Amino acid sequence: MSDVDIKAELQKAAVEPLLPIEKKLIGWSLGIGIVSLVILAAINRIIA
């Protein structure tokens, strides 16, 4: 295997902005996660 400095390679790489679909996927994932937490917390309060 070649001796490659990963840190140096990552610093040389150009920063790429997120695509619109990636932003939507992140938003949906966060939204679903938060809604799930709220629902589970509500169920926990009802049961306990």
PDB file of N, CA and C in Angstrom:
ATOM      1  N   MET A   1       0.844  -1.195   0.000  1.00  0.00           N
ATOM      2  CA  MET A   1       0.000   0.000   0.000  1.00  0.00           C
ATOM      3  C   MET A   1       0.877   1.242   0.000  1.00  0.00           C
ATOM      4  N   SER A   2       0.430   2.270  -0.690  1.00  0.00           N
ATOM      5  CA  SER A   2       1.191   3.509  -0.724  1.00  0.00           C
ATOM      6  C   SER A   2       0.975   4.282   0.574  1.00  0.00           C
ATOM      7  N   ASP A   3       1.980   5.060   0.935  1.00  0.00           N
ATOM      8  CA  ASP A   3       1.930   5.837   2.171  1.00  0.00           C
ATOM      9  C   ASP A   3       1.271   7.189   1.864  1.00  0.00           C
ATOM     10  N   VAL A   4      -0.055   7.259   2.019  1.00  0.00           N
ATOM     11  CA  VAL A   4      -0.816   8.462   1.695  1.00  0.00           C
ATOM     12  C   VAL A   4      -1.222   9.148   2.990  1.00  0.00           C
ATOM     13  N   ASP A   5      -1.010  10.471   3.046  1.00  0.00           N
ATOM     14  CA  ASP A   5      -1.412  11.242   4.222  1.00  0.00           C
ATOM     15  C   ASP A   5      -2.869  11.665   4.033  1.00  0.00           C
ATOM     16  N   ILE A   6      -3.758  11.000   4.740  1.00  0.00           N
ATOM     17  CA  ILE A   6      -5.193  11.236   4.565  1.00  0.00           C
ATOM     18  C   ILE A   6      -5.559  12.665   4.935  1.00  0.00           C
ATOM     19  N   LYS A   7      -4.985  13.176   6.014  1.00  0.00           N
ATOM     20  CA  LYS A   7      -5.294  14.536   6.453  1.00  0.00           C
ATOM     21  C   LYS A   7      -4.936  15.556   5.377  1.00  0.00           C
ATOM     22  N   ALA A   8      -3.779  15.410   4.770  1.00  0.00           N
ATOM     23  CA  ALA A   8      -3.361  16.343   3.721  1.00  0.00           C
ATOM     24  C   ALA A   8      -4.271  16.234   2.506  1.00  0.00           C
ATOM     25  N   GLU A   9      -4.645  15.013   2.156  1.00  0.00           N
ATOM     26  CA  GLU A   9      -5.539  14.821   1.010  1.00  0.00           C
ATOM     27  C   GLU A   9      -6.898  15.471   1.255  1.00  0.00           C
ATOM     28  N   LEU A  10      -7.439  15.337   2.478  1.00  0.00           N
ATOM     29  CA  LEU A  10      -8.738  15.934   2.785  1.00  0.00           C
ATOM     30  C   LEU A  10      -8.656  17.462   2.779  1.00  0.00           C
ATOM     31  N   GLN A  11      -7.528  18.016   3.192  1.00  0.00           N
ATOM     32  CA  GLN A  11      -7.379  19.472   3.187  1.00  0.00           C
ATOM     33  C   GLN A  11      -7.278  20.010   1.773  1.00  0.00           C
ATOM     34  N   LYS A  12      -6.757  19.216   0.846  1.00  0.00           N
ATOM     35  CA  LYS A  12      -6.637  19.650  -0.548  1.00  0.00           C
ATOM     36  C   LYS A  12      -7.968  19.565  -1.290  1.00  0.00           C
ATOM     37  N   ALA A  13      -8.857  18.732  -0.816  1.00  0.00           N
ATOM     38  CA  ALA A  13     -10.133  18.515  -1.508  1.00  0.00           C
ATOM     39  C   ALA A  13     -10.992  19.779  -1.461  1.00  0.00           C
ATOM     40  N   ALA A  14     -11.677  20.047  -2.550  1.00  0.00           N
ATOM     41  CA  ALA A  14     -12.560  21.209  -2.629  1.00  0.00           C
ATOM     42  C   ALA A  14     -13.841  20.953  -1.850  1.00  0.00           C
ATOM     43  N   VAL A  15     -14.379  22.003  -1.254  1.00  0.00           N
ATOM     44  CA  VAL A  15     -15.636  21.903  -0.509  1.00  0.00           C
ATOM     45  C   VAL A  15     -16.784  21.930  -1.506  1.00  0.00           C
ATOM     46  N   GLU A  16     -17.652  20.948  -1.410  1.00  0.00           N
ATOM     47  CA  GLU A  16     -18.796  20.877  -2.321  1.00  0.00           C
ATOM     48  C   GLU A  16     -20.069  21.197  -1.559  1.00  0.00           C
ATOM     49  N   PRO A  17     -20.884  22.116  -2.082  1.00  0.00           N
ATOM     50  CA  PRO A  17     -22.142  22.439  -1.404  1.00  0.00           C
ATOM     51  C   PRO A  17     -23.132  21.280  -1.518  1.00  0.00           C
ATOM     52  N   LEU A  18     -24.075  21.246  -0.569  1.00  0.00           N
ATOM     53  CA  LEU A  18     -25.099  20.203  -0.609  1.00  0.00           C
ATOM     54  C   LEU A  18     -26.046  20.442  -1.779  1.00  0.00           C
ATOM     55  N   LEU A  19     -26.481  19.358  -2.378  1.00  0.00           N
ATOM     56  CA  LEU A  19     -27.480  19.445  -3.437  1.00  0.00           C
ATOM     57  C   LEU A  19     -28.841  19.693  -2.804  1.00  0.00           C
ATOM     58  N   PRO A  20     -29.766  20.285  -3.557  1.00  0.00           N
ATOM     59  CA  PRO A  20     -31.105  20.535  -3.007  1.00  0.00           C
ATOM     60  C   PRO A  20     -31.782  19.265  -2.486  1.00  0.00           C
ATOM     61  N   ILE A  21     -31.611  18.145  -3.177  1.00  0.00           N
ATOM     62  CA  ILE A  21     -32.243  16.903  -2.725  1.00  0.00           C
ATOM     63  C   ILE A  21     -31.617  16.440  -1.419  1.00  0.00           C
ATOM     64  N   GLU A  22     -30.316  16.678  -1.240  1.00  0.00           N
ATOM     65  CA  GLU A  22     -29.661  16.310   0.015  1.00  0.00           C
ATOM     66  C   GLU A  22     -30.195  17.145   1.168  1.00  0.00           C
ATOM     67  N   LYS A  23     -30.441  18.424   0.901  1.00  0.00           N
ATOM     68  CA  LYS A  23     -31.014  19.297   1.933  1.00  0.00           C
ATOM     69  C   LYS A  23     -32.412  18.825   2.324  1.00  0.00           C
ATOM     70  N   LYS A  24     -33.203  18.420   1.321  1.00  0.00           N
ATOM     71  CA  LYS A  24     -34.551  17.918   1.596  1.00  0.00           C
ATOM     72  C   LYS A  24     -34.490  16.638   2.416  1.00  0.00           C
ATOM     73  N   LEU A  25     -33.580  15.738   2.062  1.00  0.00           N
ATOM     74  CA  LEU A  25     -33.455  14.478   2.795  1.00  0.00           C
ATOM     75  C   LEU A  25     -33.041  14.718   4.248  1.00  0.00           C
ATOM     76  N   ILE A  26     -32.128  15.650   4.457  1.00  0.00           N
ATOM     77  CA  ILE A  26     -31.711  15.981   5.822  1.00  0.00           C
ATOM     78  C   ILE A  26     -32.892  16.557   6.598  1.00  0.00           C
ATOM     79  N   GLY A  27     -33.637  17.459   5.976  1.00  0.00           N
ATOM     80  CA  GLY A  27     -34.806  18.057   6.626  1.00  0.00           C
ATOM     81  C   GLY A  27     -35.857  17.024   6.981  1.00  0.00           C
ATOM     82  N   TRP A  28     -36.151  16.143   6.030  1.00  0.00           N
ATOM     83  CA  TRP A  28     -37.152  15.101   6.286  1.00  0.00           C
ATOM     84  C   TRP A  28     -36.695  14.159   7.393  1.00  0.00           C
ATOM     85  N   SER A  29     -35.427  13.793   7.375  1.00  0.00           N
ATOM     86  CA  SER A  29     -34.906  12.884   8.397  1.00  0.00           C
ATOM     87  C   SER A  29     -34.999  13.506   9.783  1.00  0.00           C
ATOM     88  N   LEU A  30     -34.598  14.764   9.896  1.00  0.00           N
ATOM     89  CA  LEU A  30     -34.689  15.454  11.179  1.00  0.00           C
ATOM     90  C   LEU A  30     -36.142  15.592  11.615  1.00  0.00           C
ATOM     91  N   GLY A  31     -37.022  15.942  10.675  1.00  0.00           N
ATOM     92  CA  GLY A  31     -38.441  16.096  10.990  1.00  0.00           C
ATOM     93  C   GLY A  31     -39.054  14.803  11.485  1.00  0.00           C
ATOM     94  N   ILE A  32     -38.779  13.710  10.783  1.00  0.00           N
ATOM     95  CA  ILE A  32     -39.319  12.414  11.191  1.00  0.00           C
ATOM     96  C   ILE A  32     -38.777  12.025  12.556  1.00  0.00           C
ATOM     97  N   GLY A  33     -37.501  12.284  12.795  1.00  0.00           N
ATOM     98  CA  GLY A  33     -36.907  11.951  14.086  1.00  0.00           C
ATOM     99  C   GLY A  33     -37.527  12.726  15.227  1.00  0.00           C
ATOM    100  N   ILE A  34     -37.723  14.029  15.034  1.00  0.00           N
ATOM    101  CA  ILE A  34     -38.306  14.866  16.087  1.00  0.00           C
ATOM    102  C   ILE A  34     -39.754  14.474  16.354  1.00  0.00           C
ATOM    103  N   VAL A  35     -40.518  14.254  15.289  1.00  0.00           N
ATOM    104  CA  VAL A  35     -41.915  13.846  15.448  1.00  0.00           C
ATOM    105  C   VAL A  35     -41.995  12.496  16.165  1.00  0.00           C
ATOM    106  N   SER A  36     -41.116  11.583  15.820  1.00  0.00           N
ATOM    107  CA  SER A  36     -41.103  10.274  16.489  1.00  0.00           C
ATOM    108  C   SER A  36     -40.804  10.422  17.977  1.00  0.00           C
ATOM    109  N   LEU A  37     -39.844  11.276  18.319  1.00  0.00           N
ATOM    110  CA  LEU A  37     -39.522  11.502  19.726  1.00  0.00           C
ATOM    111  C   LEU A  37     -40.708  12.076  20.491  1.00  0.00           C
ATOM    112  N   VAL A  38     -41.406  13.014  19.879  1.00  0.00           N
ATOM    113  CA  VAL A  38     -42.565  13.627  20.536  1.00  0.00           C
ATOM    114  C   VAL A  38     -43.659  12.588  20.743  1.00  0.00           C
ATOM    115  N   ILE A  39     -43.907  11.780  19.726  1.00  0.00           N
ATOM    116  CA  ILE A  39     -44.950  10.749  19.845  1.00  0.00           C
ATOM    117  C   ILE A  39     -44.581   9.739  20.926  1.00  0.00           C
ATOM    118  N   LEU A  40     -43.341   9.287  20.928  1.00  0.00           N
ATOM    119  CA  LEU A  40     -42.911   8.319  21.943  1.00  0.00           C
ATOM    120  C   LEU A  40     -42.946   8.918  23.348  1.00  0.00           C
ATOM    121  N   ALA A  41     -42.599  10.187  23.492  1.00  0.00           N
ATOM    122  CA  ALA A  41     -42.661  10.836  24.806  1.00  0.00           C
ATOM    123  C   ALA A  41     -44.115  10.943  25.271  1.00  0.00           C
ATOM    124  N   ALA A  42     -45.016  11.258  24.350  1.00  0.00           N
ATOM    125  CA  ALA A  42     -46.432  11.354  24.703  1.00  0.00           C
ATOM    126  C   ALA A  42     -46.976   9.989  25.118  1.00  0.00           C
ATOM    127  N   ILE A  43     -46.631   8.948  24.396  1.00  0.00           N
ATOM    128  CA  ILE A  43     -47.073   7.598  24.738  1.00  0.00           C
ATOM    129  C   ILE A  43     -46.514   7.202  26.101  1.00  0.00           C
ATOM    130  N   ASN A  44     -45.270   7.545  26.364  1.00  0.00           N
ATOM    131  CA  ASN A  44     -44.639   7.218  27.637  1.00  0.00           C
ATOM    132  C   ASN A  44     -45.352   7.909  28.796  1.00  0.00           C
ATOM    133  N   ARG A  45     -45.761   9.157  28.592  1.00  0.00           N
ATOM    134  CA  ARG A  45     -46.485   9.890  29.662  1.00  0.00           C
ATOM    135  C   ARG A  45     -47.863   9.298  29.900  1.00  0.00           C
ATOM    136  N   ILE A  46     -48.527   8.865  28.837  1.00  0.00           N
ATOM    137  CA  ILE A  46     -49.867   8.289  28.961  1.00  0.00           C
ATOM    138  C   ILE A  46     -49.794   6.963  29.723  1.00  0.00           C
ATOM    139  N   ILE A  47     -48.836   6.143  29.357  1.00  0.00           N
ATOM    140  CA  ILE A  47     -48.717   4.803  29.943  1.00  0.00           C
ATOM    141  C   ILE A  47     -48.195   4.892  31.387  1.00  0.00           C
ATOM    142  N   ALA A  48     -47.196   5.725  31.622  1.00  0.00           N
ATOM    143  CA  ALA A  48     -46.555   5.751  32.961  1.00  0.00           C
ATOM    144  C   ALA A  48     -47.323   6.497  33.980  1.00  0.00           C
TER     145      ALA A  48
END
